[in-house]
PDB file of N, CA and C in Angstrom:
ATOM      1  N   MET A   1     -20.503 -78.574  49.579  1.00  0.00           N
ATOM      2  CA  MET A   1     -19.566 -77.726  48.861  1.00  0.00           C
ATOM      3  C   MET A   1     -20.165 -77.245  47.550  1.00  0.00           C
ATOM      4  N   LYS A   2     -20.893 -78.135  46.862  1.00  0.00           N
ATOM      5  CA  LYS A   2     -21.486 -77.761  45.584  1.00  0.00           C
ATOM      6  C   LYS A   2     -22.523 -76.656  45.770  1.00  0.00           C
ATOM      7  N   GLY A   3     -23.299 -76.732  46.847  1.00  0.00           N
ATOM      8  CA  GLY A   3     -24.283 -75.694  47.146  1.00  0.00           C
ATOM      9  C   GLY A   3     -23.628 -74.354  47.407  1.00  0.00           C
ATOM     10  N   PHE A   4     -22.501 -74.394  48.103  1.00  0.00           N
ATOM     11  CA  PHE A   4     -21.755 -73.164  48.380  1.00  0.00           C
ATOM     12  C   PHE A   4     -21.289 -72.517  47.089  1.00  0.00           C
ATOM     13  N   LEU A   5     -20.744 -73.303  46.182  1.00  0.00           N
ATOM     14  CA  LEU A   5     -20.272 -72.753  44.909  1.00  0.00           C
ATOM     15  C   LEU A   5     -21.419 -72.199  44.080  1.00  0.00           C
ATOM     16  N   LYS A   6     -22.563 -72.879  44.097  1.00  0.00           N
ATOM     17  CA  LYS A   6     -23.732 -72.362  43.385  1.00  0.00           C
ATOM     18  C   LYS A   6     -24.160 -71.024  43.974  1.00  0.00           C
ATOM     19  N   GLY A   7     -24.148 -70.924  45.282  1.00  0.00           N
ATOM     20  CA  GLY A   7     -24.507 -69.667  45.945  1.00  0.00           C
ATOM     21  C   GLY A   7     -23.540 -68.551  45.592  1.00  0.00           C
ATOM     22  N   MET A   8     -22.264 -68.872  45.567  1.00  0.00           N
ATOM     23  CA  MET A   8     -21.265 -67.877  45.189  1.00  0.00           C
ATOM     24  C   MET A   8     -21.479 -67.436  43.745  1.00  0.00           C
ATOM     25  N   LEU A   9     -21.751 -68.385  42.875  1.00  0.00           N
ATOM     26  CA  LEU A   9     -21.981 -68.080  41.465  1.00  0.00           C
ATOM     27  C   LEU A   9     -23.209 -67.191  41.306  1.00  0.00           C
ATOM     28  N   LEU A  10     -24.299 -67.550  41.958  1.00  0.00           N
ATOM     29  CA  LEU A  10     -25.522 -66.750  41.854  1.00  0.00           C
ATOM     30  C   LEU A  10     -25.315 -65.345  42.413  1.00  0.00           C
ATOM     31  N   GLY A  11     -24.572 -65.238  43.494  1.00  0.00           N
ATOM     32  CA  GLY A  11     -24.276 -63.925  44.068  1.00  0.00           C
ATOM     33  C   GLY A  11     -23.444 -63.063  43.134  1.00  0.00           C
ATOM     34  N   ALA A  12     -22.449 -63.678  42.494  1.00  0.00           N
ATOM     35  CA  ALA A  12     -21.609 -62.934  41.559  1.00  0.00           C
ATOM     36  C   ALA A  12     -22.409 -62.477  40.351  1.00  0.00           C
ATOM     37  N   VAL A  13     -23.253 -63.352  39.837  1.00  0.00           N
ATOM     38  CA  VAL A  13     -24.074 -62.995  38.677  1.00  0.00           C
ATOM     39  C   VAL A  13     -25.066 -61.896  39.043  1.00  0.00           C
ATOM     40  N   ALA A  14     -25.696 -62.018  40.198  1.00  0.00           N
ATOM     41  CA  ALA A  14     -26.659 -60.997  40.627  1.00  0.00           C
ATOM     42  C   ALA A  14     -25.965 -59.657  40.835  1.00  0.00           C
ATOM     43  N   GLY A  15     -24.783 -59.680  41.419  1.00  0.00           N
ATOM     44  CA  GLY A  15     -24.025 -58.446  41.620  1.00  0.00           C
ATOM     45  C   GLY A  15     -23.614 -57.814  40.308  1.00  0.00           C
ATOM     46  N   ALA A  16     -23.169 -58.629  39.373  1.00  0.00           N
ATOM     47  CA  ALA A  16     -22.769 -58.106  38.060  1.00  0.00           C
ATOM     48  C   ALA A  16     -23.968 -57.526  37.324  1.00  0.00           C
ATOM     49  N   ALA A  17     -25.118 -58.200  37.408  1.00  0.00           N
ATOM     50  CA  ALA A  17     -26.322 -57.701  36.746  1.00  0.00           C
ATOM     51  C   ALA A  17     -26.779 -56.379  37.362  1.00  0.00           C
ATOM     52  N   ALA A  18     -26.740 -56.292  38.676  1.00  0.00           N
ATOM     53  CA  ALA A  18     -27.125 -55.052  39.353  1.00  0.00           C
ATOM     54  C   ALA A  18     -26.174 -53.923  38.992  1.00  0.00           C
ATOM     55  N   ASP A  19     -24.892 -54.231  38.910  1.00  0.00           N
ATOM     56  CA  ASP A  19     -23.899 -53.225  38.545  1.00  0.00           C
ATOM     57  C   ASP A  19     -24.137 -52.719  37.129  1.00  0.00           C
ATOM     58  N   MET A  20     -24.423 -53.630  36.221  1.00  0.00           N
ATOM     59  CA  MET A  20     -24.665 -53.231  34.838  1.00  0.00           C
ATOM     60  C   MET A  20     -25.950 -52.401  34.731  1.00  0.00           C
ATOM     61  N   ALA A  21     -26.969 -52.731  35.504  1.00  0.00           N
ATOM     62  CA  ALA A  21     -28.229 -51.996  35.460  1.00  0.00           C
ATOM     63  C   ALA A  21     -28.075 -50.583  36.008  1.00  0.00           C
ATOM     64  N   MET A  22     -27.183 -50.403  36.962  1.00  0.00           N
ATOM     65  CA  MET A  22     -27.000 -49.096  37.586  1.00  0.00           C
ATOM     66  C   MET A  22     -26.173 -48.138  36.734  1.00  0.00           C
ATOM     67  N   HIS A  23     -25.376 -48.653  35.839  1.00  0.00           N
ATOM     68  CA  HIS A  23     -24.508 -47.797  35.035  1.00  0.00           C
ATOM     69  C   HIS A  23     -25.191 -47.433  33.728  1.00  0.00           C
ATOM     70  N   THR A  24     -25.094 -46.159  33.385  1.00  0.00           N
ATOM     71  CA  THR A  24     -25.658 -45.701  32.115  1.00  0.00           C
ATOM     72  C   THR A  24     -24.567 -45.694  31.061  1.00  0.00           C
ATOM     73  N   ASN A  25     -24.948 -45.426  29.821  1.00  0.00           N
ATOM     74  CA  ASN A  25     -23.969 -45.384  28.735  1.00  0.00           C
ATOM     75  C   ASN A  25     -22.970 -44.253  28.915  1.00  0.00           C
ATOM     76  N   THR A  26     -23.381 -43.148  29.533  1.00  0.00           N
ATOM     77  CA  THR A  26     -22.449 -42.039  29.722  1.00  0.00           C
ATOM     78  C   THR A  26     -21.331 -42.424  30.687  1.00  0.00           C
ATOM     79  N   VAL A  27     -21.645 -43.231  31.676  1.00  0.00           N
ATOM     80  CA  VAL A  27     -20.616 -43.666  32.624  1.00  0.00           C
ATOM     81  C   VAL A  27     -19.627 -44.590  31.930  1.00  0.00           C
ATOM     82  N   LYS A  28     -20.108 -45.442  31.038  1.00  0.00           N
ATOM     83  CA  LYS A  28     -19.241 -46.404  30.375  1.00  0.00           C
ATOM     84  C   LYS A  28     -18.244 -45.732  29.438  1.00  0.00           C
ATOM     85  N   LYS A  29     -18.496 -44.484  29.056  1.00  0.00           N
ATOM     86  CA  LYS A  29     -17.605 -43.782  28.142  1.00  0.00           C
ATOM     87  C   LYS A  29     -16.391 -43.185  28.852  1.00  0.00           C
ATOM     88  N   THR A  30     -16.446 -43.042  30.157  1.00  0.00           N
ATOM     89  CA  THR A  30     -15.306 -42.513  30.896  1.00  0.00           C
ATOM     90  C   THR A  30     -14.290 -43.636  31.098  1.00  0.00           C
ATOM     91  N   PRO A  31     -13.035 -43.298  31.340  1.00  0.00           N
ATOM     92  CA  PRO A  31     -12.043 -44.350  31.599  1.00  0.00           C
ATOM     93  C   PRO A  31     -12.430 -45.244  32.784  1.00  0.00           C
ATOM     94  N   ALA A  32     -12.976 -44.648  33.824  1.00  0.00           N
ATOM     95  CA  ALA A  32     -13.384 -45.453  34.978  1.00  0.00           C
ATOM     96  C   ALA A  32     -14.553 -46.360  34.602  1.00  0.00           C
ATOM     97  N   GLY A  33     -15.472 -45.851  33.802  1.00  0.00           N
ATOM     98  CA  GLY A  33     -16.603 -46.651  33.359  1.00  0.00           C
ATOM     99  C   GLY A  33     -16.170 -47.804  32.479  1.00  0.00           C
ATOM    100  N   LYS A  34     -15.204 -47.536  31.602  1.00  0.00           N
ATOM    101  CA  LYS A  34     -14.680 -48.600  30.737  1.00  0.00           C
ATOM    102  C   LYS A  34     -13.976 -49.669  31.571  1.00  0.00           C
ATOM    103  N   ALA A  35     -13.227 -49.248  32.576  1.00  0.00           N
ATOM    104  CA  ALA A  35     -12.542 -50.202  33.454  1.00  0.00           C
ATOM    105  C   ALA A  35     -13.566 -51.034  34.221  1.00  0.00           C
ATOM    106  N   MET A  36     -14.632 -50.382  34.678  1.00  0.00           N
ATOM    107  CA  MET A  36     -15.677 -51.093  35.410  1.00  0.00           C
ATOM    108  C   MET A  36     -16.373 -52.101  34.490  1.00  0.00           C
ATOM    109  N   GLN A  37     -16.620 -51.717  33.243  1.00  0.00           N
ATOM    110  CA  GLN A  37     -17.255 -52.626  32.290  1.00  0.00           C
ATOM    111  C   GLN A  37     -16.351 -53.822  32.020  1.00  0.00           C
ATOM    112  N   THR A  38     -15.049 -53.579  31.884  1.00  0.00           N
ATOM    113  CA  THR A  38     -14.098 -54.672  31.663  1.00  0.00           C
ATOM    114  C   THR A  38     -14.105 -55.636  32.846  1.00  0.00           C
ATOM    115  N   ALA A  39     -14.114 -55.083  34.056  1.00  0.00           N
ATOM    116  CA  ALA A  39     -14.149 -55.925  35.257  1.00  0.00           C
ATOM    117  C   ALA A  39     -15.441 -56.738  35.300  1.00  0.00           C
ATOM    118  N   THR A  40     -16.555 -56.116  34.940  1.00  0.00           N
ATOM    119  CA  THR A  40     -17.835 -56.821  34.917  1.00  0.00           C
ATOM    120  C   THR A  40     -17.817 -57.948  33.894  1.00  0.00           C
ATOM    121  N   ASP A  41     -17.224 -57.679  32.729  1.00  0.00           N
ATOM    122  CA  ASP A  41     -17.126 -58.711  31.690  1.00  0.00           C
ATOM    123  C   ASP A  41     -16.297 -59.901  32.173  1.00  0.00           C
ATOM    124  N   VAL A  42     -15.228 -59.615  32.896  1.00  0.00           N
ATOM    125  CA  VAL A  42     -14.374 -60.682  33.423  1.00  0.00           C
ATOM    126  C   VAL A  42     -15.143 -61.521  34.439  1.00  0.00           C
ATOM    127  N   VAL A  43     -15.903 -60.864  35.308  1.00  0.00           N
ATOM    128  CA  VAL A  43     -16.691 -61.585  36.308  1.00  0.00           C
ATOM    129  C   VAL A  43     -17.749 -62.442  35.622  1.00  0.00           C
ATOM    130  N   ASP A  44     -18.397 -61.893  34.599  1.00  0.00           N
ATOM    131  CA  ASP A  44     -19.407 -62.659  33.867  1.00  0.00           C
ATOM    132  C   ASP A  44     -18.799 -63.895  33.207  1.00  0.00           C
ATOM    133  N   ALA A  45     -17.633 -63.723  32.608  1.00  0.00           N
ATOM    134  CA  ALA A  45     -16.973 -64.856  31.958  1.00  0.00           C
ATOM    135  C   ALA A  45     -16.582 -65.922  32.983  1.00  0.00           C
ATOM    136  N   ALA A  46     -16.085 -65.474  34.137  1.00  0.00           N
ATOM    137  CA  ALA A  46     -15.709 -66.421  35.187  1.00  0.00           C
ATOM    138  C   ALA A  46     -16.937 -67.151  35.720  1.00  0.00           C
ATOM    139  N   ALA A  47     -18.037 -66.423  35.882  1.00  0.00           N
ATOM    140  CA  ALA A  47     -19.268 -67.046  36.374  1.00  0.00           C
ATOM    141  C   ALA A  47     -19.776 -68.090  35.384  1.00  0.00           C
ATOM    142  N   ALA A  48     -19.711 -67.779  34.108  1.00  0.00           N
ATOM    143  CA  ALA A  48     -20.144 -68.730  33.086  1.00  0.00           C
ATOM    144  C   ALA A  48     -19.263 -69.961  33.090  1.00  0.00           C
ATOM    145  N   SER A  49     -17.960 -69.766  33.291  1.00  0.00           N
ATOM    146  CA  SER A  49     -17.038 -70.885  33.333  1.00  0.00           C
ATOM    147  C   SER A  49     -17.319 -71.782  34.538  1.00  0.00           C
ATOM    148  N   VAL A  50     -17.553 -71.181  35.686  1.00  0.00           N
ATOM    149  CA  VAL A  50     -17.853 -71.955  36.901  1.00  0.00           C
ATOM    150  C   VAL A  50     -19.160 -72.708  36.711  1.00  0.00           C
ATOM    151  N   LYS A  51     -20.170 -72.053  36.149  1.00  0.00           N
ATOM    152  CA  LYS A  51     -21.457 -72.707  35.919  1.00  0.00           C
ATOM    153  C   LYS A  51     -21.297 -73.906  34.985  1.00  0.00           C
ATOM    154  N   GLU A  52     -20.518 -73.726  33.939  1.00  0.00           N
ATOM    155  CA  GLU A  52     -20.284 -74.824  32.992  1.00  0.00           C
ATOM    156  C   GLU A  52     -19.572 -75.992  33.690  1.00  0.00           C
ATOM    157  N   THR A  53     -18.614 -75.675  34.540  1.00  0.00           N
ATOM    158  CA  THR A  53     -17.881 -76.704  35.270  1.00  0.00           C
ATOM    159  C   THR A  53     -18.796 -77.459  36.228  1.00  0.00           C
ATOM    160  N   LEU A  54     -19.695 -76.735  36.904  1.00  0.00           N
ATOM    161  CA  LEU A  54     -20.595 -77.367  37.870  1.00  0.00           C
ATOM    162  C   LEU A  54     -21.648 -78.232  37.170  1.00  0.00           C
ATOM    163  N   ASP A  55     -22.018 -77.864  35.949  1.00  0.00           N
ATOM    164  CA  ASP A  55     -23.046 -78.612  35.223  1.00  0.00           C
ATOM    165  C   ASP A  55     -22.535 -79.933  34.669  1.00  0.00           C
ATOM    166  N   ARG A  56     -21.250 -80.140  34.661  1.00  0.00           N
ATOM    167  CA  ARG A  56     -20.701 -81.392  34.108  1.00  0.00           C
ATOM    168  C   ARG A  56     -20.960 -82.553  35.000  1.00  0.00           C
TER     169      ARG A  56
END
């Protein structure tokens, strides 16, 4: 189970990083871009929380 959660965490982080790399600053200025950035920030925070929980 722990391996599965690590895999899910790594997948989420990799997806968030790829998403951030694909978006330029001009996209982030649109309402859709801002919403996407907010969603990415939420995923990053959740991934960090899961990682912290697993490291205990």
